Amino acid sequence: MGYQSDEPEFHHYRCHLRSVPGMWATYDGHVDVWAPSEDEVFQRAVRQLARTSFPDRPSMSSWRLDRIERL
């Protein structure tokens, strides 16, 4: 009998995004994240950028999603 977990299975995704025009340096690139579904990838990518390179842009409205690919 196999082990079943209530925990969701996470997958590796690459989120391609860019910053919205504004009074700051632009960013056009990607962020690799682990997420349980594609629905959470963009939010997790924005949070990662806010924790690292762009602490002044924690809002999802500061970013535009271009595409998501599963790695």
N, C-alpha and C. Protein backbone atom coordinates (compact mmCIF):
# COMPACT_ATOMS: atom_id res chain seq x y z
N MET A 1 0.83 -1.16 0.00
CA MET A 1 0.00 0.00 0.00
C MET A 1 0.89 1.24 0.00
N GLY A 2 0.61 2.20 -0.89
CA GLY A 2 1.42 3.40 -1.01
C GLY A 2 1.04 4.45 0.02
N TYR A 3 1.98 5.30 0.30
CA TYR A 3 1.76 6.40 1.25
C TYR A 3 1.05 7.53 0.54
N GLN A 4 -0.01 8.04 1.14
CA GLN A 4 -0.72 9.19 0.59
C GLN A 4 -0.60 10.36 1.55
N SER A 5 -0.27 11.50 1.00
CA SER A 5 -0.09 12.69 1.81
C SER A 5 -1.17 13.71 1.47
N ASP A 6 -1.55 14.48 2.48
CA ASP A 6 -2.50 15.56 2.24
C ASP A 6 -1.80 16.81 1.71
N GLU A 7 -0.46 16.78 1.71
CA GLU A 7 0.32 17.91 1.22
C GLU A 7 0.24 17.96 -0.31
N PRO A 8 0.10 19.17 -0.89
CA PRO A 8 0.07 19.27 -2.34
C PRO A 8 1.45 18.98 -2.93
N GLU A 9 1.46 18.47 -4.13
CA GLU A 9 2.72 18.20 -4.83
C GLU A 9 3.19 19.49 -5.50
N PHE A 10 4.42 19.87 -5.26
CA PHE A 10 4.96 21.10 -5.84
C PHE A 10 5.70 20.78 -7.13
N HIS A 11 5.63 21.72 -8.08
CA HIS A 11 6.31 21.59 -9.36
C HIS A 11 7.20 22.81 -9.56
N HIS A 12 8.19 22.65 -10.41
CA HIS A 12 9.14 23.73 -10.70
C HIS A 12 8.65 24.48 -11.94
N TYR A 13 8.54 25.80 -11.82
CA TYR A 13 8.05 26.64 -12.91
C TYR A 13 9.01 27.78 -13.17
N ARG A 14 8.99 28.28 -14.40
CA ARG A 14 9.69 29.50 -14.76
C ARG A 14 8.63 30.53 -15.14
N CYS A 15 8.65 31.65 -14.41
CA CYS A 15 7.68 32.73 -14.62
C CYS A 15 8.38 33.87 -15.36
N HIS A 16 7.96 34.13 -16.58
CA HIS A 16 8.50 35.23 -17.36
C HIS A 16 7.64 36.46 -17.08
N LEU A 17 8.29 37.53 -16.64
CA LEU A 17 7.53 38.74 -16.30
C LEU A 17 8.37 39.97 -16.57
N ARG A 18 7.70 41.12 -16.49
CA ARG A 18 8.38 42.40 -16.67
C ARG A 18 7.73 43.43 -15.77
N SER A 19 8.49 44.44 -15.45
CA SER A 19 7.95 45.50 -14.59
C SER A 19 7.06 46.42 -15.43
N VAL A 20 6.06 46.99 -14.79
CA VAL A 20 5.23 47.98 -15.46
C VAL A 20 6.05 49.27 -15.58
N PRO A 21 5.74 50.10 -16.58
CA PRO A 21 6.47 51.37 -16.69
C PRO A 21 6.29 52.21 -15.43
N GLY A 22 7.34 52.89 -15.06
CA GLY A 22 7.28 53.72 -13.86
C GLY A 22 8.57 54.49 -13.68
N MET A 23 8.75 55.00 -12.46
CA MET A 23 9.91 55.81 -12.16
C MET A 23 11.06 54.97 -11.63
N TRP A 24 11.17 53.73 -12.04
CA TRP A 24 12.22 52.86 -11.55
C TRP A 24 12.87 52.12 -12.72
N ALA A 25 13.93 51.44 -12.44
CA ALA A 25 14.60 50.64 -13.45
C ALA A 25 13.66 49.54 -13.94
N THR A 26 13.71 49.25 -15.21
CA THR A 26 12.83 48.22 -15.75
C THR A 26 13.47 46.84 -15.58
N TYR A 27 12.62 45.85 -15.54
CA TYR A 27 13.06 44.46 -15.46
C TYR A 27 12.24 43.66 -16.45
N ASP A 28 12.92 42.86 -17.24
CA ASP A 28 12.28 41.96 -18.19
C ASP A 28 13.06 40.66 -18.14
N GLY A 29 12.50 39.67 -17.47
CA GLY A 29 13.24 38.43 -17.29
C GLY A 29 12.37 37.33 -16.75
N HIS A 30 12.98 36.44 -15.97
CA HIS A 30 12.22 35.32 -15.41
C HIS A 30 12.66 35.03 -13.98
N VAL A 31 11.78 34.33 -13.28
CA VAL A 31 12.03 33.88 -11.92
C VAL A 31 11.60 32.42 -11.86
N ASP A 32 12.46 31.57 -11.31
CA ASP A 32 12.12 30.15 -11.14
C ASP A 32 11.56 29.96 -9.73
N VAL A 33 10.41 29.31 -9.64
CA VAL A 33 9.76 29.08 -8.35
C VAL A 33 9.19 27.67 -8.30
N TRP A 34 8.96 27.21 -7.08
CA TRP A 34 8.24 25.96 -6.83
C TRP A 34 6.84 26.33 -6.39
N ALA A 35 5.83 25.69 -6.96
CA ALA A 35 4.44 25.99 -6.62
C ALA A 35 3.59 24.74 -6.79
N PRO A 36 2.47 24.66 -6.05
CA PRO A 36 1.60 23.50 -6.18
C PRO A 36 0.76 23.52 -7.46
N SER A 37 0.59 24.72 -8.04
CA SER A 37 -0.18 24.83 -9.29
C SER A 37 0.25 26.07 -10.04
N GLU A 38 -0.07 26.10 -11.31
CA GLU A 38 0.27 27.25 -12.14
C GLU A 38 -0.42 28.53 -11.66
N ASP A 39 -1.55 28.37 -10.99
CA ASP A 39 -2.30 29.53 -10.49
C ASP A 39 -1.51 30.35 -9.47
N GLU A 40 -0.55 29.75 -8.80
CA GLU A 40 0.22 30.44 -7.76
C GLU A 40 1.59 30.92 -8.21
N VAL A 41 1.97 30.62 -9.43
CA VAL A 41 3.33 30.91 -9.89
C VAL A 41 3.63 32.40 -9.91
N PHE A 42 2.77 33.19 -10.51
CA PHE A 42 3.02 34.64 -10.63
C PHE A 42 3.15 35.28 -9.25
N GLN A 43 2.24 34.97 -8.35
CA GLN A 43 2.29 35.53 -7.00
C GLN A 43 3.59 35.14 -6.29
N ARG A 44 4.00 33.90 -6.41
CA ARG A 44 5.24 33.46 -5.76
C ARG A 44 6.46 34.14 -6.39
N ALA A 45 6.43 34.35 -7.70
CA ALA A 45 7.54 35.03 -8.37
C ALA A 45 7.66 36.48 -7.90
N VAL A 46 6.53 37.17 -7.78
CA VAL A 46 6.54 38.56 -7.31
C VAL A 46 7.04 38.62 -5.87
N ARG A 47 6.61 37.70 -5.03
CA ARG A 47 7.10 37.67 -3.64
C ARG A 47 8.60 37.44 -3.58
N GLN A 48 9.10 36.57 -4.44
CA GLN A 48 10.54 36.31 -4.46
C GLN A 48 11.31 37.55 -4.90
N LEU A 49 10.82 38.25 -5.91
CA LEU A 49 11.48 39.49 -6.34
C LEU A 49 11.45 40.54 -5.23
N ALA A 50 10.33 40.62 -4.50
CA ALA A 50 10.21 41.60 -3.41
C ALA A 50 11.16 41.26 -2.26
N ARG A 51 11.45 39.98 -2.04
CA ARG A 51 12.38 39.57 -0.98
C ARG A 51 13.83 39.78 -1.37
N THR A 52 14.11 39.84 -2.66
CA THR A 52 15.51 39.87 -3.12
C THR A 52 15.84 41.18 -3.83
N SER A 53 15.66 41.23 -5.11
CA SER A 53 16.15 42.34 -5.93
C SER A 53 15.28 43.59 -5.95
N PHE A 54 13.99 43.45 -5.69
CA PHE A 54 13.08 44.58 -5.82
C PHE A 54 12.19 44.75 -4.59
N PRO A 55 12.77 45.06 -3.44
CA PRO A 55 11.96 45.22 -2.23
C PRO A 55 10.99 46.41 -2.30
N ASP A 56 11.25 47.34 -3.22
CA ASP A 56 10.37 48.50 -3.37
C ASP A 56 9.14 48.19 -4.24
N ARG A 57 9.03 46.95 -4.76
CA ARG A 57 7.90 46.59 -5.62
C ARG A 57 7.25 45.27 -5.18
N PRO A 58 6.65 45.26 -4.00
CA PRO A 58 6.05 44.01 -3.52
C PRO A 58 4.66 43.72 -4.09
N SER A 59 4.07 44.69 -4.78
CA SER A 59 2.71 44.55 -5.27
C SER A 59 2.67 43.83 -6.62
N MET A 60 1.71 42.96 -6.78
CA MET A 60 1.54 42.26 -8.05
C MET A 60 1.19 43.24 -9.17
N SER A 61 0.62 44.39 -8.83
CA SER A 61 0.26 45.38 -9.85
C SER A 61 1.50 46.07 -10.42
N SER A 62 2.67 45.87 -9.81
CA SER A 62 3.92 46.45 -10.32
C SER A 62 4.53 45.59 -11.43
N TRP A 63 3.92 44.46 -11.70
CA TRP A 63 4.49 43.48 -12.63
C TRP A 63 3.46 43.01 -13.65
N ARG A 64 3.95 42.61 -14.81
CA ARG A 64 3.11 42.04 -15.86
C ARG A 64 3.62 40.64 -16.18
N LEU A 65 2.73 39.70 -16.18
CA LEU A 65 3.05 38.31 -16.50
C LEU A 65 3.10 38.14 -18.01
N ASP A 66 4.19 37.59 -18.51
CA ASP A 66 4.30 37.29 -19.94
C ASP A 66 3.91 35.84 -20.22
N ARG A 67 4.52 34.91 -19.48
CA ARG A 67 4.15 33.50 -19.66
C ARG A 67 4.74 32.66 -18.54
N ILE A 68 4.22 31.47 -18.41
CA ILE A 68 4.68 30.51 -17.40
C ILE A 68 5.01 29.22 -18.12
N GLU A 69 6.14 28.63 -17.73
CA GLU A 69 6.47 27.31 -18.29
C GLU A 69 6.86 26.38 -17.15
N ARG A 70 6.49 25.14 -17.28
CA ARG A 70 6.85 24.14 -16.27
C ARG A 70 8.20 23.55 -16.63
N LEU A 71 9.08 23.51 -15.66
CA LEU A 71 10.44 22.98 -15.88
C LEU A 71 10.52 21.50 -15.58
